[in-house]
């Protein structure tokens, strides 16, 4: 596969839509649609800068999950605390800000931050980093009027029951499953 050209076809408030024209393995042109948070001028820009963070947070042996309304799915799902990096913001500052905004909790300790990974590789060049943290404090609502988020700290047994019956984002589902099978 060889990328021949990138053309922006729509500039939205947050997302930019592109058509990528490839030469496929038979030598024919294939047009692929994708979105990005960033303006792309060439192939070197695809996935170049991490866009945000997803946070796997624990507190006292419990997993932090958000039960949030997602407009794209028109339903409540279980998800991880997550958010986009603001211009000039460090990843650590983004983690602290998003935790506070979405849950009222604060970072006790960052255990590990993984390198950037593609968030929706079939649709976008958006990458984020997965952070594993311990949190502390009391849950409180600091979200905007455009978000409906119900944060909670769940035991392994509660998470296992949710996994059997409730819709999750894929990243939260993986984190929740691993939390359930993890040995203390």
N, C-alpha and C. Protein backbone atom coordinates (compact mmCIF):
# COMPACT_ATOMS: atom_id res chain seq x y z
N UNK A 1 0.84 -1.17 0.00
CA UNK A 1 0.00 0.00 0.00
C UNK A 1 0.89 1.24 0.00
N UNK A 2 0.54 2.17 -0.87
CA UNK A 2 1.32 3.40 -0.97
C UNK A 2 0.38 4.60 -0.91
N UNK A 3 0.60 5.50 0.05
CA UNK A 3 -0.20 6.71 0.16
C UNK A 3 0.17 7.67 -0.95
N UNK A 4 -0.81 8.04 -1.76
CA UNK A 4 -0.57 8.95 -2.88
C UNK A 4 -0.88 10.40 -2.53
N UNK A 5 -1.99 10.63 -1.79
CA UNK A 5 -2.34 12.00 -1.42
C UNK A 5 -3.33 12.01 -0.26
N UNK A 6 -3.34 13.15 0.44
CA UNK A 6 -4.26 13.41 1.53
C UNK A 6 -5.04 14.67 1.18
N UNK A 7 -6.37 14.60 1.30
CA UNK A 7 -7.20 15.77 1.02
C UNK A 7 -8.19 15.97 2.16
N UNK A 8 -8.19 17.18 2.74
CA UNK A 8 -9.17 17.51 3.77
C UNK A 8 -10.50 17.77 3.06
N UNK A 9 -11.57 17.10 3.51
CA UNK A 9 -12.87 17.27 2.87
C UNK A 9 -13.87 18.00 3.76
N UNK A 10 -13.55 18.12 5.07
CA UNK A 10 -14.44 18.85 5.98
C UNK A 10 -13.66 19.28 7.21
N UNK A 11 -13.91 20.50 7.62
CA UNK A 11 -13.30 21.05 8.83
C UNK A 11 -14.41 21.23 9.85
N UNK A 12 -14.47 20.34 10.85
CA UNK A 12 -15.45 20.47 11.92
C UNK A 12 -14.87 21.25 13.08
N UNK A 13 -15.68 21.46 14.10
CA UNK A 13 -15.21 22.21 15.28
C UNK A 13 -14.05 21.48 15.95
N UNK A 14 -14.15 20.15 16.08
CA UNK A 14 -13.10 19.37 16.73
C UNK A 14 -12.39 18.40 15.79
N UNK A 15 -13.14 17.82 14.87
CA UNK A 15 -12.58 16.81 13.98
C UNK A 15 -12.48 17.32 12.55
N UNK A 16 -11.44 16.85 11.87
CA UNK A 16 -11.24 17.15 10.47
C UNK A 16 -11.38 15.84 9.69
N UNK A 17 -12.18 15.88 8.64
CA UNK A 17 -12.38 14.69 7.81
C UNK A 17 -11.43 14.74 6.62
N UNK A 18 -10.82 13.58 6.32
CA UNK A 18 -9.87 13.48 5.23
C UNK A 18 -10.21 12.30 4.34
N UNK A 19 -9.81 12.43 3.07
CA UNK A 19 -9.78 11.29 2.16
C UNK A 19 -8.31 11.01 1.87
N UNK A 20 -7.90 9.79 2.11
CA UNK A 20 -6.54 9.35 1.81
C UNK A 20 -6.62 8.46 0.58
N UNK A 21 -5.86 8.80 -0.43
CA UNK A 21 -5.86 7.99 -1.65
C UNK A 21 -4.60 7.14 -1.64
N UNK A 22 -4.81 5.82 -1.72
CA UNK A 22 -3.73 4.85 -1.70
C UNK A 22 -3.65 4.13 -3.04
N UNK A 23 -2.49 3.62 -3.35
CA UNK A 23 -2.34 2.65 -4.41
C UNK A 23 -2.34 1.30 -3.72
N UNK A 24 -3.32 0.46 -4.05
CA UNK A 24 -3.40 -0.84 -3.37
C UNK A 24 -2.41 -1.84 -3.98
N UNK A 25 -2.39 -3.05 -3.47
CA UNK A 25 -1.40 -4.03 -3.92
C UNK A 25 -1.61 -4.49 -5.36
N UNK A 26 -2.81 -4.23 -5.94
CA UNK A 26 -3.04 -4.52 -7.36
C UNK A 26 -2.71 -3.32 -8.25
N UNK A 27 -2.21 -2.21 -7.65
CA UNK A 27 -1.87 -1.03 -8.42
C UNK A 27 -3.04 -0.11 -8.70
N UNK A 28 -4.18 -0.37 -8.07
CA UNK A 28 -5.37 0.48 -8.25
C UNK A 28 -5.48 1.48 -7.11
N UNK A 29 -6.19 2.58 -7.40
CA UNK A 29 -6.41 3.58 -6.36
C UNK A 29 -7.54 3.16 -5.43
N UNK A 30 -7.32 3.37 -4.14
CA UNK A 30 -8.31 3.09 -3.09
C UNK A 30 -8.43 4.35 -2.26
N UNK A 31 -9.66 4.90 -2.13
CA UNK A 31 -9.89 6.09 -1.31
C UNK A 31 -10.40 5.63 0.06
N UNK A 32 -9.74 6.13 1.09
CA UNK A 32 -10.06 5.76 2.47
C UNK A 32 -10.44 7.02 3.24
N UNK A 33 -11.54 6.96 3.98
CA UNK A 33 -11.99 8.09 4.78
C UNK A 33 -11.52 7.93 6.21
N UNK A 34 -11.09 9.07 6.81
CA UNK A 34 -10.66 9.04 8.20
C UNK A 34 -10.84 10.42 8.82
N UNK A 35 -10.71 10.49 10.14
CA UNK A 35 -10.79 11.75 10.86
C UNK A 35 -9.54 11.94 11.69
N UNK A 36 -9.26 13.21 12.01
CA UNK A 36 -8.13 13.55 12.86
C UNK A 36 -8.49 14.78 13.68
N UNK A 37 -7.85 14.93 14.82
CA UNK A 37 -7.98 16.17 15.60
C UNK A 37 -7.08 17.25 15.02
N UNK A 38 -6.09 16.85 14.28
CA UNK A 38 -5.07 17.78 13.81
C UNK A 38 -5.20 18.03 12.30
N UNK A 39 -4.62 19.14 11.88
CA UNK A 39 -4.51 19.41 10.45
C UNK A 39 -3.34 18.59 9.90
N UNK A 40 -3.59 17.86 8.84
CA UNK A 40 -2.58 16.99 8.25
C UNK A 40 -2.12 17.57 6.93
N UNK A 41 -0.81 17.68 6.76
CA UNK A 41 -0.30 18.18 5.49
C UNK A 41 0.33 17.06 4.67
N UNK A 42 0.71 15.97 5.32
CA UNK A 42 1.32 14.85 4.62
C UNK A 42 1.36 13.62 5.48
N UNK A 43 1.86 12.51 4.94
CA UNK A 43 1.88 11.24 5.67
C UNK A 43 2.67 11.31 6.98
N UNK A 44 3.66 12.18 7.03
CA UNK A 44 4.48 12.29 8.25
C UNK A 44 3.66 12.83 9.44
N UNK A 45 2.52 13.46 9.18
CA UNK A 45 1.68 14.00 10.25
C UNK A 45 0.74 12.97 10.86
N UNK A 46 0.49 11.87 10.17
CA UNK A 46 -0.47 10.87 10.65
C UNK A 46 0.02 10.24 11.96
N UNK A 47 -0.78 10.42 13.03
CA UNK A 47 -0.48 9.82 14.33
C UNK A 47 0.76 10.36 15.00
N UNK A 48 1.23 11.50 14.57
CA UNK A 48 2.52 12.02 15.03
C UNK A 48 2.53 12.47 16.49
N UNK A 49 1.44 13.08 16.94
CA UNK A 49 1.40 13.61 18.30
C UNK A 49 0.26 12.96 19.09
N UNK A 50 0.55 12.49 20.32
CA UNK A 50 -0.53 11.96 21.15
C UNK A 50 -1.61 13.02 21.37
N UNK A 51 -2.85 12.60 21.33
CA UNK A 51 -3.97 13.51 21.47
C UNK A 51 -4.47 13.62 22.90
N UNK A 52 -4.31 12.54 23.67
CA UNK A 52 -4.86 12.56 25.02
C UNK A 52 -4.44 11.37 25.83
N UNK A 53 -5.23 11.10 26.87
CA UNK A 53 -4.90 10.05 27.82
C UNK A 53 -6.16 9.29 28.21
N UNK A 54 -6.00 8.00 28.46
CA UNK A 54 -7.03 7.16 29.09
C UNK A 54 -6.43 6.69 30.41
N UNK A 55 -7.22 6.72 31.47
CA UNK A 55 -6.69 6.51 32.81
C UNK A 55 -7.32 5.28 33.45
N UNK A 56 -6.48 4.31 33.80
CA UNK A 56 -6.91 3.15 34.58
C UNK A 56 -6.55 3.48 36.01
N UNK A 57 -7.57 3.83 36.80
CA UNK A 57 -7.34 4.31 38.16
C UNK A 57 -7.91 3.34 39.19
N UNK A 58 -7.15 3.18 40.26
CA UNK A 58 -7.60 2.36 41.39
C UNK A 58 -7.49 3.17 42.67
N UNK A 59 -8.29 2.75 43.65
CA UNK A 59 -8.29 3.39 44.96
C UNK A 59 -8.73 2.35 45.99
N UNK A 60 -7.84 2.01 46.90
CA UNK A 60 -8.20 1.05 47.94
C UNK A 60 -8.66 -0.29 47.40
N UNK A 61 -8.02 -0.77 46.34
CA UNK A 61 -8.38 -2.07 45.77
C UNK A 61 -9.63 -2.05 44.89
N UNK A 62 -10.14 -0.87 44.60
CA UNK A 62 -11.32 -0.73 43.73
C UNK A 62 -10.92 -0.04 42.44
N UNK A 63 -11.67 -0.33 41.37
CA UNK A 63 -11.43 0.24 40.05
C UNK A 63 -12.37 1.42 39.82
N UNK A 64 -11.81 2.52 39.33
CA UNK A 64 -12.62 3.68 38.97
C UNK A 64 -13.20 3.46 37.57
N UNK A 65 -14.51 3.52 37.47
CA UNK A 65 -15.19 3.46 36.19
C UNK A 65 -16.18 4.62 36.11
N UNK A 66 -16.35 5.15 34.93
CA UNK A 66 -17.34 6.18 34.69
C UNK A 66 -18.54 5.55 34.01
N UNK A 67 -19.72 5.80 34.52
CA UNK A 67 -20.95 5.43 33.83
C UNK A 67 -21.42 6.72 33.19
N UNK A 68 -21.19 6.82 31.88
CA UNK A 68 -21.40 8.11 31.22
C UNK A 68 -22.26 7.98 29.98
N UNK A 69 -23.02 9.05 29.74
CA UNK A 69 -23.83 9.10 28.53
C UNK A 69 -22.93 9.51 27.38
N UNK A 70 -22.89 8.68 26.33
CA UNK A 70 -22.08 8.97 25.14
C UNK A 70 -23.03 9.25 23.98
N UNK A 71 -22.96 10.47 23.47
CA UNK A 71 -23.88 10.89 22.42
C UNK A 71 -23.75 10.04 21.16
N UNK A 72 -22.54 9.63 20.80
CA UNK A 72 -22.34 8.83 19.60
C UNK A 72 -23.01 7.48 19.66
N UNK A 73 -23.25 6.97 20.87
CA UNK A 73 -23.93 5.68 21.06
C UNK A 73 -25.36 5.88 21.54
N UNK A 74 -25.71 7.11 21.94
CA UNK A 74 -27.02 7.45 22.48
C UNK A 74 -27.41 6.56 23.65
N UNK A 75 -26.44 6.33 24.54
CA UNK A 75 -26.70 5.50 25.72
C UNK A 75 -25.61 5.70 26.75
N UNK A 76 -25.88 5.20 27.94
CA UNK A 76 -24.86 5.17 28.99
C UNK A 76 -23.97 3.95 28.75
N UNK A 77 -22.68 4.15 28.92
CA UNK A 77 -21.72 3.05 28.86
C UNK A 77 -20.75 3.20 30.02
N UNK A 78 -20.04 2.13 30.33
CA UNK A 78 -18.95 2.21 31.30
C UNK A 78 -17.67 2.52 30.54
N UNK A 79 -16.91 3.45 31.09
CA UNK A 79 -15.73 3.94 30.40
C UNK A 79 -14.66 4.28 31.42
N UNK A 80 -13.47 4.52 30.92
CA UNK A 80 -12.37 5.02 31.75
C UNK A 80 -12.41 6.53 31.77
N UNK A 81 -11.86 7.11 32.78
CA UNK A 81 -11.63 8.55 32.80
C UNK A 81 -10.63 8.83 31.67
N UNK A 82 -10.89 9.85 30.89
CA UNK A 82 -10.03 10.13 29.74
C UNK A 82 -10.23 11.56 29.29
N UNK A 83 -9.30 12.04 28.48
CA UNK A 83 -9.46 13.37 27.93
C UNK A 83 -8.35 13.75 26.99
N UNK A 84 -8.54 14.91 26.40
CA UNK A 84 -7.60 15.42 25.40
C UNK A 84 -6.59 16.36 26.05
N UNK A 85 -5.37 16.28 25.54
CA UNK A 85 -4.32 17.21 25.97
C UNK A 85 -4.66 18.62 25.49
N UNK A 86 -4.50 19.59 26.35
CA UNK A 86 -4.66 20.98 25.95
C UNK A 86 -3.31 21.48 25.44
N UNK A 87 -3.31 22.50 24.57
CA UNK A 87 -2.04 23.01 24.04
C UNK A 87 -1.04 23.36 25.15
N UNK A 88 0.18 22.81 25.05
CA UNK A 88 1.23 23.08 26.01
C UNK A 88 1.13 22.31 27.32
N UNK A 89 0.11 21.48 27.47
CA UNK A 89 -0.10 20.74 28.71
C UNK A 89 0.75 19.47 28.73
N UNK A 90 1.33 19.15 29.87
CA UNK A 90 2.05 17.89 30.02
C UNK A 90 1.04 16.76 30.21
N UNK A 91 1.47 15.54 29.95
CA UNK A 91 0.60 14.39 30.14
C UNK A 91 0.20 14.25 31.60
N UNK A 92 1.14 14.48 32.51
CA UNK A 92 0.85 14.37 33.95
C UNK A 92 -0.20 15.40 34.37
N UNK A 93 -0.09 16.62 33.83
CA UNK A 93 -1.07 17.66 34.15
C UNK A 93 -2.44 17.30 33.57
N UNK A 94 -2.46 16.71 32.38
CA UNK A 94 -3.71 16.28 31.76
C UNK A 94 -4.38 15.20 32.61
N UNK A 95 -3.60 14.25 33.10
CA UNK A 95 -4.13 13.18 33.96
C UNK A 95 -4.79 13.80 35.18
N UNK A 96 -4.09 14.69 35.87
CA UNK A 96 -4.62 15.31 37.08
C UNK A 96 -5.88 16.13 36.78
N UNK A 97 -5.86 16.90 35.70
CA UNK A 97 -7.00 17.74 35.34
C UNK A 97 -8.23 16.90 35.01
N UNK A 98 -8.04 15.88 34.15
CA UNK A 98 -9.18 15.04 33.76
C UNK A 98 -9.77 14.28 34.95
N UNK A 99 -8.91 13.75 35.80
CA UNK A 99 -9.42 13.06 36.99
C UNK A 99 -10.26 14.00 37.84
N UNK A 100 -9.76 15.20 38.07
CA UNK A 100 -10.50 16.16 38.88
C UNK A 100 -11.81 16.56 38.21
N UNK A 101 -11.75 16.92 36.93
CA UNK A 101 -12.95 17.37 36.23
C UNK A 101 -14.03 16.30 36.17
N UNK A 102 -13.64 15.05 35.93
CA UNK A 102 -14.63 14.00 35.73
C UNK A 102 -15.03 13.27 37.00
N UNK A 103 -14.19 13.37 38.06
CA UNK A 103 -14.48 12.58 39.26
C UNK A 103 -14.31 13.33 40.58
N UNK A 104 -13.57 14.42 40.59
CA UNK A 104 -13.24 15.11 41.84
C UNK A 104 -12.05 14.49 42.56
N UNK A 105 -11.54 13.37 42.05
CA UNK A 105 -10.42 12.68 42.68
C UNK A 105 -9.10 13.30 42.26
N UNK A 106 -8.05 13.02 43.04
CA UNK A 106 -6.71 13.51 42.71
C UNK A 106 -5.74 12.33 42.58
N UNK A 107 -4.64 12.59 41.90
CA UNK A 107 -3.62 11.56 41.69
C UNK A 107 -2.82 11.37 42.98
N UNK A 108 -2.76 10.14 43.44
CA UNK A 108 -1.90 9.79 44.57
C UNK A 108 -0.53 9.38 44.04
N UNK A 109 -0.55 8.55 42.97
CA UNK A 109 0.69 8.06 42.40
C UNK A 109 0.44 7.59 40.97
N UNK A 110 1.31 8.00 40.06
CA UNK A 110 1.28 7.48 38.70
C UNK A 110 2.18 6.24 38.69
N UNK A 111 1.59 5.09 38.40
CA UNK A 111 2.35 3.83 38.40
C UNK A 111 3.06 3.60 37.07
N UNK A 112 2.38 3.91 35.97
CA UNK A 112 2.95 3.64 34.65
C UNK A 112 2.18 4.41 33.61
N UNK A 113 2.90 4.94 32.62
CA UNK A 113 2.29 5.54 31.44
C UNK A 113 2.85 4.82 30.23
N UNK A 114 1.98 4.21 29.44
CA UNK A 114 2.41 3.48 28.26
C UNK A 114 2.64 4.44 27.09
N UNK A 115 3.44 4.02 26.11
CA UNK A 115 3.64 4.84 24.91
C UNK A 115 2.32 5.03 24.16
N UNK A 116 2.26 6.01 23.25
CA UNK A 116 1.02 6.26 22.50
C UNK A 116 0.53 5.02 21.75
N UNK A 117 -0.80 4.86 21.74
CA UNK A 117 -1.46 3.78 21.01
C UNK A 117 -2.62 4.39 20.24
N UNK A 118 -2.97 3.78 19.13
CA UNK A 118 -4.07 4.28 18.31
C UNK A 118 -5.40 4.01 18.99
N UNK A 119 -6.23 5.05 19.08
CA UNK A 119 -7.51 4.95 19.79
C UNK A 119 -8.59 4.26 18.96
N UNK A 120 -8.63 4.49 17.66
CA UNK A 120 -9.63 3.91 16.77
C UNK A 120 -8.99 3.75 15.40
N UNK A 121 -8.07 2.79 15.31
CA UNK A 121 -7.19 2.65 14.15
C UNK A 121 -7.93 2.50 12.82
N UNK A 122 -9.16 2.00 12.84
CA UNK A 122 -9.91 1.85 11.59
C UNK A 122 -10.54 3.16 11.12
N UNK A 123 -10.57 4.17 11.99
CA UNK A 123 -11.26 5.41 11.67
C UNK A 123 -10.40 6.65 11.72
N UNK A 124 -9.26 6.56 12.42
CA UNK A 124 -8.56 7.78 12.76
C UNK A 124 -7.07 7.56 13.02
N UNK A 125 -6.33 8.66 12.99
CA UNK A 125 -4.92 8.63 13.39
C UNK A 125 -4.74 9.07 14.84
N UNK A 126 -5.84 9.24 15.56
CA UNK A 126 -5.80 9.73 16.95
C UNK A 126 -5.12 8.70 17.83
N UNK A 127 -4.12 9.18 18.59
CA UNK A 127 -3.44 8.32 19.55
C UNK A 127 -3.63 8.89 20.95
N UNK A 128 -3.59 8.00 21.92
CA UNK A 128 -3.57 8.45 23.30
C UNK A 128 -2.66 7.54 24.10
N UNK A 129 -2.40 7.96 25.30
CA UNK A 129 -1.53 7.17 26.18
C UNK A 129 -2.35 6.64 27.32
N UNK A 130 -2.06 5.42 27.71
CA UNK A 130 -2.76 4.76 28.80
C UNK A 130 -1.94 4.96 30.07
N UNK A 131 -2.58 5.53 31.09
CA UNK A 131 -1.91 5.79 32.36
C UNK A 131 -2.55 4.93 33.44
N UNK A 132 -1.71 4.30 34.24
CA UNK A 132 -2.16 3.51 35.38
C UNK A 132 -1.83 4.32 36.64
N UNK A 133 -2.86 4.67 37.40
CA UNK A 133 -2.66 5.55 38.55
C UNK A 133 -3.42 5.06 39.77
N UNK A 134 -2.93 5.47 40.93
CA UNK A 134 -3.68 5.35 42.18
C UNK A 134 -4.25 6.72 42.47
N UNK A 135 -5.50 6.76 42.91
CA UNK A 135 -6.16 8.03 43.17
C UNK A 135 -6.61 8.09 44.63
N UNK A 136 -6.94 9.31 45.06
CA UNK A 136 -7.43 9.52 46.42
C UNK A 136 -8.43 10.67 46.41
N UNK A 137 -9.16 10.79 47.51
CA UNK A 137 -10.11 11.88 47.65
C UNK A 137 -11.54 11.39 47.62
N UNK A 138 -12.44 12.34 47.48
CA UNK A 138 -13.88 12.06 47.45
C UNK A 138 -14.43 12.34 46.05
N UNK A 139 -15.31 11.49 45.60
CA UNK A 139 -15.93 11.69 44.30
C UNK A 139 -16.85 12.91 44.35
N UNK A 140 -16.70 13.78 43.35
CA UNK A 140 -17.52 14.99 43.23
C UNK A 140 -17.70 15.31 41.75
N UNK A 141 -18.78 16.01 41.44
CA UNK A 141 -19.09 16.36 40.05
C UNK A 141 -18.54 17.73 39.71
N UNK A 142 -17.59 17.77 38.77
CA UNK A 142 -17.03 19.03 38.27
C UNK A 142 -17.17 19.11 36.76
N UNK A 143 -18.08 18.34 36.19
CA UNK A 143 -18.21 18.28 34.73
C UNK A 143 -19.01 19.46 34.20
N UNK A 144 -18.90 19.68 32.91
CA UNK A 144 -19.67 20.73 32.25
C UNK A 144 -21.10 20.26 32.04
N UNK A 145 -21.96 21.18 31.64
CA UNK A 145 -23.34 20.83 31.36
C UNK A 145 -23.50 19.93 30.15
N UNK A 146 -22.44 19.77 29.36
CA UNK A 146 -22.48 18.92 28.17
C UNK A 146 -22.07 17.48 28.45
N UNK A 147 -21.73 17.18 29.70
CA UNK A 147 -21.31 15.82 30.05
C UNK A 147 -22.23 15.29 31.15
N UNK A 148 -22.58 14.03 31.04
CA UNK A 148 -23.33 13.36 32.10
C UNK A 148 -22.52 12.15 32.52
N UNK A 149 -21.79 12.30 33.62
CA UNK A 149 -20.85 11.29 34.09
C UNK A 149 -21.16 10.93 35.54
N UNK A 150 -21.26 9.64 35.79
CA UNK A 150 -21.46 9.13 37.15
C UNK A 150 -20.25 8.27 37.50
N UNK A 151 -19.23 8.85 38.16
CA UNK A 151 -18.05 8.06 38.52
C UNK A 151 -18.34 7.15 39.70
N UNK A 152 -17.65 6.01 39.73
CA UNK A 152 -17.80 5.09 40.86
C UNK A 152 -16.55 4.25 41.04
N UNK A 153 -16.33 3.83 42.27
CA UNK A 153 -15.25 2.89 42.59
C UNK A 153 -15.88 1.53 42.83
N UNK A 154 -15.41 0.52 42.10
CA UNK A 154 -16.05 -0.78 42.09
C UNK A 154 -15.10 -1.89 42.54
N UNK A 155 -15.63 -2.82 43.32
CA UNK A 155 -14.86 -4.00 43.73
C UNK A 155 -14.75 -4.95 42.54
N UNK A 156 -13.88 -5.94 42.66
CA UNK A 156 -13.74 -6.94 41.61
C UNK A 156 -15.07 -7.66 41.33
N UNK A 157 -15.80 -7.97 42.38
CA UNK A 157 -17.07 -8.67 42.21
C UNK A 157 -18.07 -7.78 41.47
N UNK A 158 -18.12 -6.51 41.81
CA UNK A 158 -19.03 -5.59 41.13
C UNK A 158 -18.65 -5.42 39.66
N UNK A 159 -17.36 -5.31 39.40
CA UNK A 159 -16.89 -5.16 38.02
C UNK A 159 -17.22 -6.41 37.21
N UNK A 160 -17.01 -7.58 37.80
CA UNK A 160 -17.33 -8.83 37.11
C UNK A 160 -18.80 -8.87 36.72
N UNK A 161 -19.68 -8.45 37.62
CA UNK A 161 -21.11 -8.45 37.32
C UNK A 161 -21.43 -7.45 36.20
N UNK A 162 -20.81 -6.28 36.23
CA UNK A 162 -21.03 -5.28 35.17
C UNK A 162 -20.58 -5.82 33.82
N UNK A 163 -19.44 -6.52 33.79
CA UNK A 163 -18.93 -7.07 32.53
C UNK A 163 -19.91 -8.03 31.87
N UNK A 164 -20.71 -8.69 32.66
CA UNK A 164 -21.67 -9.67 32.14
C UNK A 164 -22.95 -9.03 31.61
N UNK A 165 -23.25 -7.80 32.04
CA UNK A 165 -24.56 -7.26 31.72
C UNK A 165 -24.58 -5.86 31.10
N UNK A 166 -23.50 -5.10 31.19
CA UNK A 166 -23.53 -3.69 30.82
C UNK A 166 -22.65 -3.38 29.61
N UNK A 167 -23.00 -2.36 28.82
CA UNK A 167 -22.15 -1.95 27.71
C UNK A 167 -20.93 -1.16 28.20
N UNK A 168 -19.77 -1.43 27.58
CA UNK A 168 -18.50 -0.80 27.92
C UNK A 168 -17.85 -0.25 26.65
N UNK A 169 -16.97 0.72 26.81
CA UNK A 169 -16.03 1.04 25.72
C UNK A 169 -15.04 -0.12 25.69
N UNK A 170 -14.42 -0.36 24.55
CA UNK A 170 -13.50 -1.51 24.47
C UNK A 170 -12.33 -1.35 25.42
N UNK A 171 -11.78 -0.14 25.53
CA UNK A 171 -10.63 0.06 26.43
C UNK A 171 -11.02 -0.18 27.88
N UNK A 172 -12.21 0.27 28.29
CA UNK A 172 -12.65 0.05 29.67
C UNK A 172 -12.96 -1.42 29.91
N UNK A 173 -13.50 -2.09 28.90
CA UNK A 173 -13.82 -3.51 29.05
C UNK A 173 -12.55 -4.33 29.27
N UNK A 174 -11.51 -4.03 28.53
CA UNK A 174 -10.23 -4.73 28.70
C UNK A 174 -9.66 -4.46 30.08
N UNK A 175 -9.63 -3.19 30.48
CA UNK A 175 -9.09 -2.83 31.80
C UNK A 175 -9.90 -3.50 32.91
N UNK A 176 -11.22 -3.51 32.77
CA UNK A 176 -12.07 -4.11 33.78
C UNK A 176 -11.85 -5.62 33.88
N UNK A 177 -11.74 -6.29 32.75
CA UNK A 177 -11.48 -7.72 32.75
C UNK A 177 -10.15 -8.03 33.43
N UNK A 178 -9.11 -7.31 33.06
CA UNK A 178 -7.79 -7.55 33.66
C UNK A 178 -7.79 -7.24 35.16
N UNK A 179 -8.54 -6.24 35.57
CA UNK A 179 -8.68 -5.91 36.99
C UNK A 179 -9.30 -7.10 37.73
N UNK A 180 -10.28 -7.74 37.11
CA UNK A 180 -10.97 -8.88 37.74
C UNK A 180 -10.08 -10.12 37.87
N UNK A 181 -9.19 -10.33 36.92
CA UNK A 181 -8.36 -11.54 36.95
C UNK A 181 -6.99 -11.30 37.59
N UNK A 182 -6.69 -10.03 37.88
CA UNK A 182 -5.40 -9.68 38.47
C UNK A 182 -5.26 -10.25 39.88
N UNK A 183 -4.10 -10.76 40.18
CA UNK A 183 -3.80 -11.26 41.52
C UNK A 183 -3.27 -10.12 42.36
N UNK A 184 -3.74 -10.02 43.57
CA UNK A 184 -3.26 -8.96 44.47
C UNK A 184 -1.87 -9.22 44.95
